[in-house]
Amino acid sequence: MNDKIKIHLLMAGTAYPLTIRREDEETVREAARQVNVRLKQYRDYYPEASTEQLLGMVAYQFAMENLQMNRRNDTAPYTEKLKELTGLLEACFKEDEP
């Protein structure tokens, strides 16, 4: 059975034909819905702006949220500290060995 399907997404008044994995359909459609919702919010707030300008604002907002989320999920500082503490504990246990 083919796990790929063809769909059409409508974003900013333009149809985008896509071939996606069947299991990704809900996520893909939700992403398009979110773009349209934010586009409408910006269009309501900035009625004089062009669609291209509004899409730039939407892209910027998504990019900022993505960067903020990545920073919140950055575990590198904790991983380094855990390695350091593990090393200290291992050194203490080695000193106690007969």
PDB file of N, CA and C in Angstrom:
ATOM      1  N   MET A   1       0.841  -1.185   0.000  1.00  0.00           N
ATOM      2  CA  MET A   1       0.000   0.000   0.000  1.00  0.00           C
ATOM      3  C   MET A   1       0.879   1.239   0.000  1.00  0.00           C
ATOM      4  N   ASN A   2       0.494   2.224  -0.789  1.00  0.00           N
ATOM      5  CA  ASN A   2       1.255   3.459  -0.899  1.00  0.00           C
ATOM      6  C   ASN A   2       1.008   4.328   0.334  1.00  0.00           C
ATOM      7  N   ASP A   3       2.079   4.723   0.988  1.00  0.00           N
ATOM      8  CA  ASP A   3       1.907   5.552   2.181  1.00  0.00           C
ATOM      9  C   ASP A   3       1.987   7.038   1.857  1.00  0.00           C
ATOM     10  N   LYS A   4       2.033   7.399   0.582  1.00  0.00           N
ATOM     11  CA  LYS A   4       2.047   8.799   0.159  1.00  0.00           C
ATOM     12  C   LYS A   4       0.672   9.175  -0.390  1.00  0.00           C
ATOM     13  N   ILE A   5       0.266  10.415  -0.100  1.00  0.00           N
ATOM     14  CA  ILE A   5      -0.992  10.924  -0.640  1.00  0.00           C
ATOM     15  C   ILE A   5      -0.759  12.312  -1.207  1.00  0.00           C
ATOM     16  N   LYS A   6      -1.612  12.710  -2.123  1.00  0.00           N
ATOM     17  CA  LYS A   6      -1.552  14.048  -2.706  1.00  0.00           C
ATOM     18  C   LYS A   6      -2.664  14.879  -2.102  1.00  0.00           C
ATOM     19  N   ILE A   7      -2.296  16.072  -1.630  1.00  0.00           N
ATOM     20  CA  ILE A   7      -3.283  16.986  -1.053  1.00  0.00           C
ATOM     21  C   ILE A   7      -3.052  18.374  -1.630  1.00  0.00           C
ATOM     22  N   HIS A   8      -4.019  19.241  -1.435  1.00  0.00           N
ATOM     23  CA  HIS A   8      -3.881  20.646  -1.809  1.00  0.00           C
ATOM     24  C   HIS A   8      -4.120  21.474  -0.559  1.00  0.00           C
ATOM     25  N   LEU A   9      -3.155  22.320  -0.245  1.00  0.00           N
ATOM     26  CA  LEU A   9      -3.297  23.233   0.886  1.00  0.00           C
ATOM     27  C   LEU A   9      -3.594  24.618   0.350  1.00  0.00           C
ATOM     28  N   LEU A  10      -4.493  25.320   1.001  1.00  0.00           N
ATOM     29  CA  LEU A  10      -4.793  26.690   0.628  1.00  0.00           C
ATOM     30  C   LEU A  10      -4.235  27.600   1.709  1.00  0.00           C
ATOM     31  N   MET A  11      -3.229  28.387   1.321  1.00  0.00           N
ATOM     32  CA  MET A  11      -2.635  29.346   2.249  1.00  0.00           C
ATOM     33  C   MET A  11      -2.530  30.689   1.545  1.00  0.00           C
ATOM     34  N   ALA A  12      -3.009  31.724   2.204  1.00  0.00           N
ATOM     35  CA  ALA A  12      -2.958  33.089   1.682  1.00  0.00           C
ATOM     36  C   ALA A  12      -3.599  33.175   0.303  1.00  0.00           C
ATOM     37  N   GLY A  13      -4.659  32.385   0.081  1.00  0.00           N
ATOM     38  CA  GLY A  13      -5.373  32.433  -1.173  1.00  0.00           C
ATOM     39  C   GLY A  13      -4.708  31.684  -2.317  1.00  0.00           C
ATOM     40  N   THR A  14      -3.634  30.972  -2.035  1.00  0.00           N
ATOM     41  CA  THR A  14      -2.927  30.211  -3.066  1.00  0.00           C
ATOM     42  C   THR A  14      -2.990  28.729  -2.713  1.00  0.00           C
ATOM     43  N   ALA A  15      -3.255  27.898  -3.719  1.00  0.00           N
ATOM     44  CA  ALA A  15      -3.302  26.454  -3.516  1.00  0.00           C
ATOM     45  C   ALA A  15      -1.912  25.878  -3.743  1.00  0.00           C
ATOM     46  N   TYR A  16      -1.505  25.013  -2.830  1.00  0.00           N
ATOM     47  CA  TYR A  16      -0.203  24.356  -2.909  1.00  0.00           C
ATOM     48  C   TYR A  16      -0.421  22.855  -2.985  1.00  0.00           C
ATOM     49  N   PRO A  17      -0.136  22.245  -4.146  1.00  0.00           N
ATOM     50  CA  PRO A  17      -0.254  20.787  -4.237  1.00  0.00           C
ATOM     51  C   PRO A  17       0.959  20.140  -3.582  1.00  0.00           C
ATOM     52  N   LEU A  18       0.719  19.175  -2.729  1.00  0.00           N
ATOM     53  CA  LEU A  18       1.801  18.495  -2.016  1.00  0.00           C
ATOM     54  C   LEU A  18       1.593  16.992  -2.060  1.00  0.00           C
ATOM     55  N   THR A  19       2.693  16.275  -2.053  1.00  0.00           N
ATOM     56  CA  THR A  19       2.666  14.837  -1.846  1.00  0.00           C
ATOM     57  C   THR A  19       3.328  14.592  -0.503  1.00  0.00           C
ATOM     58  N   ILE A  20       2.585  14.001   0.416  1.00  0.00           N
ATOM     59  CA  ILE A  20       3.055  13.824   1.786  1.00  0.00           C
ATOM     60  C   ILE A  20       2.816  12.392   2.236  1.00  0.00           C
ATOM     61  N   ARG A  21       3.450  12.047   3.333  1.00  0.00           N
ATOM     62  CA  ARG A  21       3.156  10.746   3.940  1.00  0.00           C
ATOM     63  C   ARG A  21       1.776  10.821   4.579  1.00  0.00           C
ATOM     64  N   ARG A  22       1.039   9.753   4.449  1.00  0.00           N
ATOM     65  CA  ARG A  22      -0.331   9.705   4.965  1.00  0.00           C
ATOM     66  C   ARG A  22      -0.380  10.069   6.460  1.00  0.00           C
ATOM     67  N   GLU A  23       0.588   9.584   7.233  1.00  0.00           N
ATOM     68  CA  GLU A  23       0.564   9.833   8.674  1.00  0.00           C
ATOM     69  C   GLU A  23       0.878  11.290   9.028  1.00  0.00           C
ATOM     70  N   ASP A  24       1.379  12.073   8.064  1.00  0.00           N
ATOM     71  CA  ASP A  24       1.690  13.483   8.308  1.00  0.00           C
ATOM     72  C   ASP A  24       0.545  14.421   7.943  1.00  0.00           C
ATOM     73  N   GLU A  25      -0.524  13.898   7.389  1.00  0.00           N
ATOM     74  CA  GLU A  25      -1.580  14.764   6.864  1.00  0.00           C
ATOM     75  C   GLU A  25      -2.157  15.708   7.918  1.00  0.00           C
ATOM     76  N   GLU A  26      -2.460  15.202   9.078  1.00  0.00           N
ATOM     77  CA  GLU A  26      -3.058  16.053  10.115  1.00  0.00           C
ATOM     78  C   GLU A  26      -2.117  17.197  10.499  1.00  0.00           C
ATOM     79  N   THR A  27      -0.843  16.889  10.661  1.00  0.00           N
ATOM     80  CA  THR A  27       0.140  17.909  11.029  1.00  0.00           C
ATOM     81  C   THR A  27       0.301  18.938   9.921  1.00  0.00           C
ATOM     82  N   VAL A  28       0.375  18.483   8.687  1.00  0.00           N
ATOM     83  CA  VAL A  28       0.545  19.386   7.542  1.00  0.00           C
ATOM     84  C   VAL A  28      -0.648  20.324   7.426  1.00  0.00           C
ATOM     85  N   ARG A  29      -1.831  19.781   7.563  1.00  0.00           N
ATOM     86  CA  ARG A  29      -3.032  20.624   7.466  1.00  0.00           C
ATOM     87  C   ARG A  29      -3.126  21.605   8.641  1.00  0.00           C
ATOM     88  N   GLU A  30      -2.726  21.175   9.821  1.00  0.00           N
ATOM     89  CA  GLU A  30      -2.746  22.077  10.985  1.00  0.00           C
ATOM     90  C   GLU A  30      -1.739  23.207  10.796  1.00  0.00           C
ATOM     91  N   ALA A  31      -0.584  22.909  10.234  1.00  0.00           N
ATOM     92  CA  ALA A  31       0.415  23.949   9.982  1.00  0.00           C
ATOM     93  C   ALA A  31      -0.142  24.998   9.023  1.00  0.00           C
ATOM     94  N   ALA A  32      -0.799  24.556   7.963  1.00  0.00           N
ATOM     95  CA  ALA A  32      -1.403  25.493   7.008  1.00  0.00           C
ATOM     96  C   ALA A  32      -2.504  26.308   7.676  1.00  0.00           C
ATOM     97  N   ARG A  33      -3.286  25.652   8.525  1.00  0.00           N
ATOM     98  CA  ARG A  33      -4.347  26.370   9.244  1.00  0.00           C
ATOM     99  C   ARG A  33      -3.762  27.466  10.124  1.00  0.00           C
ATOM    100  N   GLN A  34      -2.666  27.146  10.815  1.00  0.00           N
ATOM    101  CA  GLN A  34      -2.032  28.138  11.677  1.00  0.00           C
ATOM    102  C   GLN A  34      -1.495  29.323  10.878  1.00  0.00           C
ATOM    103  N   VAL A  35      -0.933  29.055   9.707  1.00  0.00           N
ATOM    104  CA  VAL A  35      -0.468  30.149   8.846  1.00  0.00           C
ATOM    105  C   VAL A  35      -1.640  31.048   8.486  1.00  0.00           C
ATOM    106  N   ASN A  36      -2.760  30.450   8.077  1.00  0.00           N
ATOM    107  CA  ASN A  36      -3.930  31.240   7.684  1.00  0.00           C
ATOM    108  C   ASN A  36      -4.516  32.025   8.853  1.00  0.00           C
ATOM    109  N   VAL A  37      -4.528  31.434  10.039  1.00  0.00           N
ATOM    110  CA  VAL A  37      -5.054  32.133  11.219  1.00  0.00           C
ATOM    111  C   VAL A  37      -4.192  33.356  11.521  1.00  0.00           C
ATOM    112  N   ARG A  38      -2.888  33.166  11.526  1.00  0.00           N
ATOM    113  CA  ARG A  38      -1.993  34.296  11.831  1.00  0.00           C
ATOM    114  C   ARG A  38      -2.039  35.340  10.727  1.00  0.00           C
ATOM    115  N   LEU A  39      -2.146  34.896   9.502  1.00  0.00           N
ATOM    116  CA  LEU A  39      -2.253  35.837   8.390  1.00  0.00           C
ATOM    117  C   LEU A  39      -3.492  36.707   8.551  1.00  0.00           C
ATOM    118  N   LYS A  40      -4.608  36.089   8.938  1.00  0.00           N
ATOM    119  CA  LYS A  40      -5.838  36.860   9.146  1.00  0.00           C
ATOM    120  C   LYS A  40      -5.668  37.843  10.299  1.00  0.00           C
ATOM    121  N   GLN A  41      -4.998  37.428  11.369  1.00  0.00           N
ATOM    122  CA  GLN A  41      -4.773  38.339  12.494  1.00  0.00           C
ATOM    123  C   GLN A  41      -3.964  39.555  12.051  1.00  0.00           C
ATOM    124  N   TYR A  42      -2.913  39.325  11.296  1.00  0.00           N
ATOM    125  CA  TYR A  42      -2.109  40.451  10.811  1.00  0.00           C
ATOM    126  C   TYR A  42      -2.885  41.290   9.806  1.00  0.00           C
ATOM    127  N   ARG A  43      -3.681  40.635   8.953  1.00  0.00           N
ATOM    128  CA  ARG A  43      -4.463  41.376   7.960  1.00  0.00           C
ATOM    129  C   ARG A  43      -5.485  42.277   8.658  1.00  0.00           C
ATOM    130  N   ASP A  44      -6.085  41.785   9.739  1.00  0.00           N
ATOM    131  CA  ASP A  44      -7.043  42.601  10.492  1.00  0.00           C
ATOM    132  C   ASP A  44      -6.346  43.783  11.152  1.00  0.00           C
ATOM    133  N   TYR A  45      -5.124  43.573  11.628  1.00  0.00           N
ATOM    134  CA  TYR A  45      -4.398  44.631  12.339  1.00  0.00           C
ATOM    135  C   TYR A  45      -3.720  45.611  11.381  1.00  0.00           C
ATOM    136  N   TYR A  46      -3.255  45.090  10.233  1.00  0.00           N
ATOM    137  CA  TYR A  46      -2.583  45.921   9.227  1.00  0.00           C
ATOM    138  C   TYR A  46      -3.299  45.777   7.882  1.00  0.00           C
ATOM    139  N   PRO A  47      -4.483  46.363   7.743  1.00  0.00           N
ATOM    140  CA  PRO A  47      -5.260  46.162   6.517  1.00  0.00           C
ATOM    141  C   PRO A  47      -4.599  46.739   5.265  1.00  0.00           C
ATOM    142  N   GLU A  48      -3.706  47.680   5.427  1.00  0.00           N
ATOM    143  CA  GLU A  48      -3.062  48.311   4.276  1.00  0.00           C
ATOM    144  C   GLU A  48      -1.842  47.535   3.772  1.00  0.00           C
ATOM    145  N   ALA A  49      -1.374  46.557   4.517  1.00  0.00           N
ATOM    146  CA  ALA A  49      -0.175  45.810   4.149  1.00  0.00           C
ATOM    147  C   ALA A  49      -0.486  44.807   3.031  1.00  0.00           C
ATOM    148  N   SER A  50       0.512  44.561   2.183  1.00  0.00           N
ATOM    149  CA  SER A  50       0.359  43.579   1.105  1.00  0.00           C
ATOM    150  C   SER A  50       0.421  42.163   1.676  1.00  0.00           C
ATOM    151  N   THR A  51      -0.039  41.219   0.906  1.00  0.00           N
ATOM    152  CA  THR A  51       0.012  39.817   1.333  1.00  0.00           C
ATOM    153  C   THR A  51       1.454  39.398   1.575  1.00  0.00           C
ATOM    154  N   GLU A  52       2.367  39.857   0.722  1.00  0.00           N
ATOM    155  CA  GLU A  52       3.775  39.508   0.893  1.00  0.00           C
ATOM    156  C   GLU A  52       4.322  40.042   2.220  1.00  0.00           C
ATOM    157  N   GLN A  53       3.963  41.266   2.566  1.00  0.00           N
ATOM    158  CA  GLN A  53       4.404  41.831   3.841  1.00  0.00           C
ATOM    159  C   GLN A  53       3.818  41.048   5.008  1.00  0.00           C
ATOM    160  N   LEU A  54       2.550  40.706   4.899  1.00  0.00           N
ATOM    161  CA  LEU A  54       1.892  39.960   5.969  1.00  0.00           C
ATOM    162  C   LEU A  54       2.519  38.579   6.125  1.00  0.00           C
ATOM    163  N   LEU A  55       2.805  37.910   5.006  1.00  0.00           N
ATOM    164  CA  LEU A  55       3.441  36.599   5.082  1.00  0.00           C
ATOM    165  C   LEU A  55       4.836  36.701   5.697  1.00  0.00           C
ATOM    166  N   GLY A  56       5.524  37.786   5.436  1.00  0.00           N
ATOM    167  CA  GLY A  56       6.826  38.010   6.080  1.00  0.00           C
ATOM    168  C   GLY A  56       6.681  38.118   7.589  1.00  0.00           C
ATOM    169  N   MET A  57       5.640  38.822   8.040  1.00  0.00           N
ATOM    170  CA  MET A  57       5.399  38.950   9.474  1.00  0.00           C
ATOM    171  C   MET A  57       5.049  37.604  10.094  1.00  0.00           C
ATOM    172  N   VAL A  58       4.247  36.816   9.380  1.00  0.00           N
ATOM    173  CA  VAL A  58       3.878  35.486   9.873  1.00  0.00           C
ATOM    174  C   VAL A  58       5.133  34.614   9.977  1.00  0.00           C
ATOM    175  N   ALA A  59       5.968  34.641   8.934  1.00  0.00           N
ATOM    176  CA  ALA A  59       7.207  33.845   8.940  1.00  0.00           C
ATOM    177  C   ALA A  59       8.111  34.273  10.087  1.00  0.00           C
ATOM    178  N   TYR A  60       8.214  35.585  10.304  1.00  0.00           N
ATOM    179  CA  TYR A  60       9.036  36.101  11.395  1.00  0.00           C
ATOM    180  C   TYR A  60       8.506  35.617  12.750  1.00  0.00           C
ATOM    181  N   GLN A  61       7.199  35.661  12.931  1.00  0.00           N
ATOM    182  CA  GLN A  61       6.617  35.227  14.201  1.00  0.00           C
ATOM    183  C   GLN A  61       6.891  33.742  14.443  1.00  0.00           C
ATOM    184  N   PHE A  62       6.712  32.914  13.418  1.00  0.00           N
ATOM    185  CA  PHE A  62       6.998  31.485  13.572  1.00  0.00           C
ATOM    186  C   PHE A  62       8.481  31.246  13.850  1.00  0.00           C
ATOM    187  N   ALA A  63       9.355  31.992  13.174  1.00  0.00           N
ATOM    188  CA  ALA A  63      10.796  31.830  13.386  1.00  0.00           C
ATOM    189  C   ALA A  63      11.175  32.205  14.812  1.00  0.00           C
ATOM    190  N   MET A  64      10.635  33.292  15.330  1.00  0.00           N
ATOM    191  CA  MET A  64      10.917  33.705  16.707  1.00  0.00           C
ATOM    192  C   MET A  64      10.452  32.640  17.694  1.00  0.00           C
ATOM    193  N   GLU A  65       9.252  32.124  17.499  1.00  0.00           N
ATOM    194  CA  GLU A  65       8.735  31.091  18.397  1.00  0.00           C
ATOM    195  C   GLU A  65       9.606  29.838  18.341  1.00  0.00           C
ATOM    196  N   ASN A  66      10.052  29.487  17.151  1.00  0.00           N
ATOM    197  CA  ASN A  66      10.909  28.313  16.984  1.00  0.00           C
ATOM    198  C   ASN A  66      12.238  28.508  17.716  1.00  0.00           C
ATOM    199  N   LEU A  67      12.846  29.668  17.563  1.00  0.00           N
ATOM    200  CA  LEU A  67      14.110  29.949  18.248  1.00  0.00           C
ATOM    201  C   LEU A  67      13.937  29.950  19.762  1.00  0.00           C
ATOM    202  N   GLN A  68      12.872  30.547  20.240  1.00  0.00           N
ATOM    203  CA  GLN A  68      12.618  30.576  21.678  1.00  0.00           C
ATOM    204  C   GLN A  68      12.405  29.174  22.221  1.00  0.00           C
ATOM    205  N   MET A  69      11.686  28.349  21.480  1.00  0.00           N
ATOM    206  CA  MET A  69      11.441  26.982  21.914  1.00  0.00           C
ATOM    207  C   MET A  69      12.750  26.185  21.914  1.00  0.00           C
ATOM    208  N   ASN A  70      13.574  26.384  20.898  1.00  0.00           N
ATOM    209  CA  ASN A  70      14.859  25.682  20.853  1.00  0.00           C
ATOM    210  C   ASN A  70      15.752  26.078  22.019  1.00  0.00           C
ATOM    211  N   ARG A  71      15.728  27.333  22.387  1.00  0.00           N
ATOM    212  CA  ARG A  71      16.541  27.779  23.527  1.00  0.00           C
ATOM    213  C   ARG A  71      16.045  27.186  24.827  1.00  0.00           C
ATOM    214  N   ARG A  72      14.725  27.074  24.970  1.00  0.00           N
ATOM    215  CA  ARG A  72      14.162  26.475  26.186  1.00  0.00           C
ATOM    216  C   ARG A  72      14.516  25.003  26.276  1.00  0.00           C
ATOM    217  N   ASN A  73      14.649  24.353  25.135  1.00  0.00           N
ATOM    218  CA  ASN A  73      14.928  22.924  25.111  1.00  0.00           C
ATOM    219  C   ASN A  73      16.411  22.609  25.005  1.00  0.00           C
ATOM    220  N   ASP A  74      17.264  23.623  25.084  1.00  0.00           N
ATOM    221  CA  ASP A  74      18.699  23.396  24.975  1.00  0.00           C
ATOM    222  C   ASP A  74      19.200  22.767  26.276  1.00  0.00           C
ATOM    223  N   THR A  75      19.569  21.513  26.202  1.00  0.00           N
ATOM    224  CA  THR A  75      20.017  20.797  27.396  1.00  0.00           C
ATOM    225  C   THR A  75      21.535  20.699  27.479  1.00  0.00           C
ATOM    226  N   ALA A  76      22.258  21.286  26.524  1.00  0.00           N
ATOM    227  CA  ALA A  76      23.724  21.183  26.506  1.00  0.00           C
ATOM    228  C   ALA A  76      24.367  21.656  27.812  1.00  0.00           C
ATOM    229  N   PRO A  77      23.968  22.808  28.369  1.00  0.00           N
ATOM    230  CA  PRO A  77      24.605  23.227  29.624  1.00  0.00           C
ATOM    231  C   PRO A  77      24.409  22.205  30.750  1.00  0.00           C
ATOM    232  N   TYR A  78      23.229  21.595  30.801  1.00  0.00           N
ATOM    233  CA  TYR A  78      22.945  20.608  31.839  1.00  0.00           C
ATOM    234  C   TYR A  78      23.724  19.321  31.593  1.00  0.00           C
ATOM    235  N   THR A  79      23.832  18.943  30.347  1.00  0.00           N
ATOM    236  CA  THR A  79      24.575  17.731  30.000  1.00  0.00           C
ATOM    237  C   THR A  79      26.043  17.879  30.390  1.00  0.00           C
ATOM    238  N   GLU A  80      26.611  19.038  30.106  1.00  0.00           N
ATOM    239  CA  GLU A  80      28.017  19.278  30.462  1.00  0.00           C
ATOM    240  C   GLU A  80      28.208  19.234  31.980  1.00  0.00           C
ATOM    241  N   LYS A  81      27.289  19.838  32.708  1.00  0.00           N
ATOM    242  CA  LYS A  81      27.389  19.833  34.172  1.00  0.00           C
ATOM    243  C   LYS A  81      27.243  18.418  34.711  1.00  0.00           C
ATOM    244  N   LEU A  82      26.326  17.634  34.140  1.00  0.00           N
ATOM    245  CA  LEU A  82      26.156  16.246  34.583  1.00  0.00           C
ATOM    246  C   LEU A  82      27.426  15.428  34.321  1.00  0.00           C
ATOM    247  N   LYS A  83      28.066  15.656  33.182  1.00  0.00           N
ATOM    248  CA  LYS A  83      29.318  14.953  32.891  1.00  0.00           C
ATOM    249  C   LYS A  83      30.388  15.319  33.918  1.00  0.00           C
ATOM    250  N   GLU A  84      30.444  16.602  34.238  1.00  0.00           N
ATOM    251  CA  GLU A  84      31.428  17.066  35.225  1.00  0.00           C
ATOM    252  C   GLU A  84      31.172  16.420  36.591  1.00  0.00           C
ATOM    253  N   LEU A  85      29.927  16.427  37.030  1.00  0.00           N
ATOM    254  CA  LEU A  85      29.576  15.845  38.328  1.00  0.00           C
ATOM    255  C   LEU A  85      29.791  14.336  38.332  1.00  0.00           C
ATOM    256  N   THR A  86      29.479  13.680  37.225  1.00  0.00           N
ATOM    257  CA  THR A  86      29.709  12.239  37.116  1.00  0.00           C
ATOM    258  C   THR A  86      31.194  11.939  37.256  1.00  0.00           C
ATOM    259  N   GLY A  87      32.015  12.745  36.618  1.00  0.00           N
ATOM    260  CA  GLY A  87      33.461  12.574  36.731  1.00  0.00           C
ATOM    261  C   GLY A  87      33.939  12.723  38.163  1.00  0.00           C
ATOM    262  N   LEU A  88      33.401  13.710  38.858  1.00  0.00           N
ATOM    263  CA  LEU A  88      33.770  13.914  40.259  1.00  0.00           C
ATOM    264  C   LEU A  88      33.346  12.730  41.125  1.00  0.00           C
ATOM    265  N   LEU A  89      32.133  12.236  40.898  1.00  0.00           N
ATOM    266  CA  LEU A  89      31.664  11.085  41.665  1.00  0.00           C
ATOM    267  C   LEU A  89      32.506   9.845  41.382  1.00  0.00           C
ATOM    268  N   GLU A  90      32.821   9.623  40.126  1.00  0.00           N
ATOM    269  CA  GLU A  90      33.642   8.464  39.771  1.00  0.00           C
ATOM    270  C   GLU A  90      35.021   8.557  40.424  1.00  0.00           C
ATOM    271  N   ALA A  91      35.576   9.767  40.464  1.00  0.00           N
ATOM    272  CA  ALA A  91      36.889   9.959  41.093  1.00  0.00           C
ATOM    273  C   ALA A  91      36.789   9.655  42.588  1.00  0.00           C
ATOM    274  N   CYS A  92      35.691  10.081  43.226  1.00  0.00           N
ATOM    275  CA  CYS A  92      35.514   9.797  44.659  1.00  0.00           C
ATOM    276  C   CYS A  92      35.397   8.309  44.920  1.00  0.00           C
ATOM    277  N   PHE A  93      34.679   7.587  44.099  1.00  0.00           N
ATOM    278  CA  PHE A  93      34.527   6.158  44.280  1.00  0.00           C
ATOM    279  C   PHE A  93      35.834   5.433  44.046  1.00  0.00           C
ATOM    280  N   LYS A  94      36.644   5.893  43.119  1.00  0.00           N
ATOM    281  CA  LYS A  94      37.927   5.255  42.849  1.00  0.00           C
ATOM    282  C   LYS A  94      38.872   5.428  44.035  1.00  0.00           C
ATOM    283  N   GLU A  95      38.783   6.563  44.690  1.00  0.00           N
ATOM    284  CA  GLU A  95      39.637   6.821  45.863  1.00  0.00           C
ATOM    285  C   GLU A  95      39.267   5.890  47.008  1.00  0.00           C
ATOM    286  N   ASP A  96      37.984   5.530  47.096  1.00  0.00           N
ATOM    287  CA  ASP A  96      37.509   4.663  48.200  1.00  0.00           C
ATOM    288  C   ASP A  96      37.771   3.187  47.941  1.00  0.00           C
ATOM    289  N   GLU A  97      38.152   2.821  46.729  1.00  0.00           N
ATOM    290  CA  GLU A  97      38.389   1.398  46.409  1.00  0.00           C
ATOM    291  C   GLU A  97      39.670   0.912  47.062  1.00  0.00           C
ATOM    292  N   PRO A  98      39.656  -0.335  47.538  1.00  0.00           N
ATOM    293  CA  PRO A  98      40.868  -0.873  48.199  1.00  0.00           C
ATOM    294  C   PRO A  98      41.935  -1.245  47.196  1.00  0.00           C
TER     295      PRO A  98
END
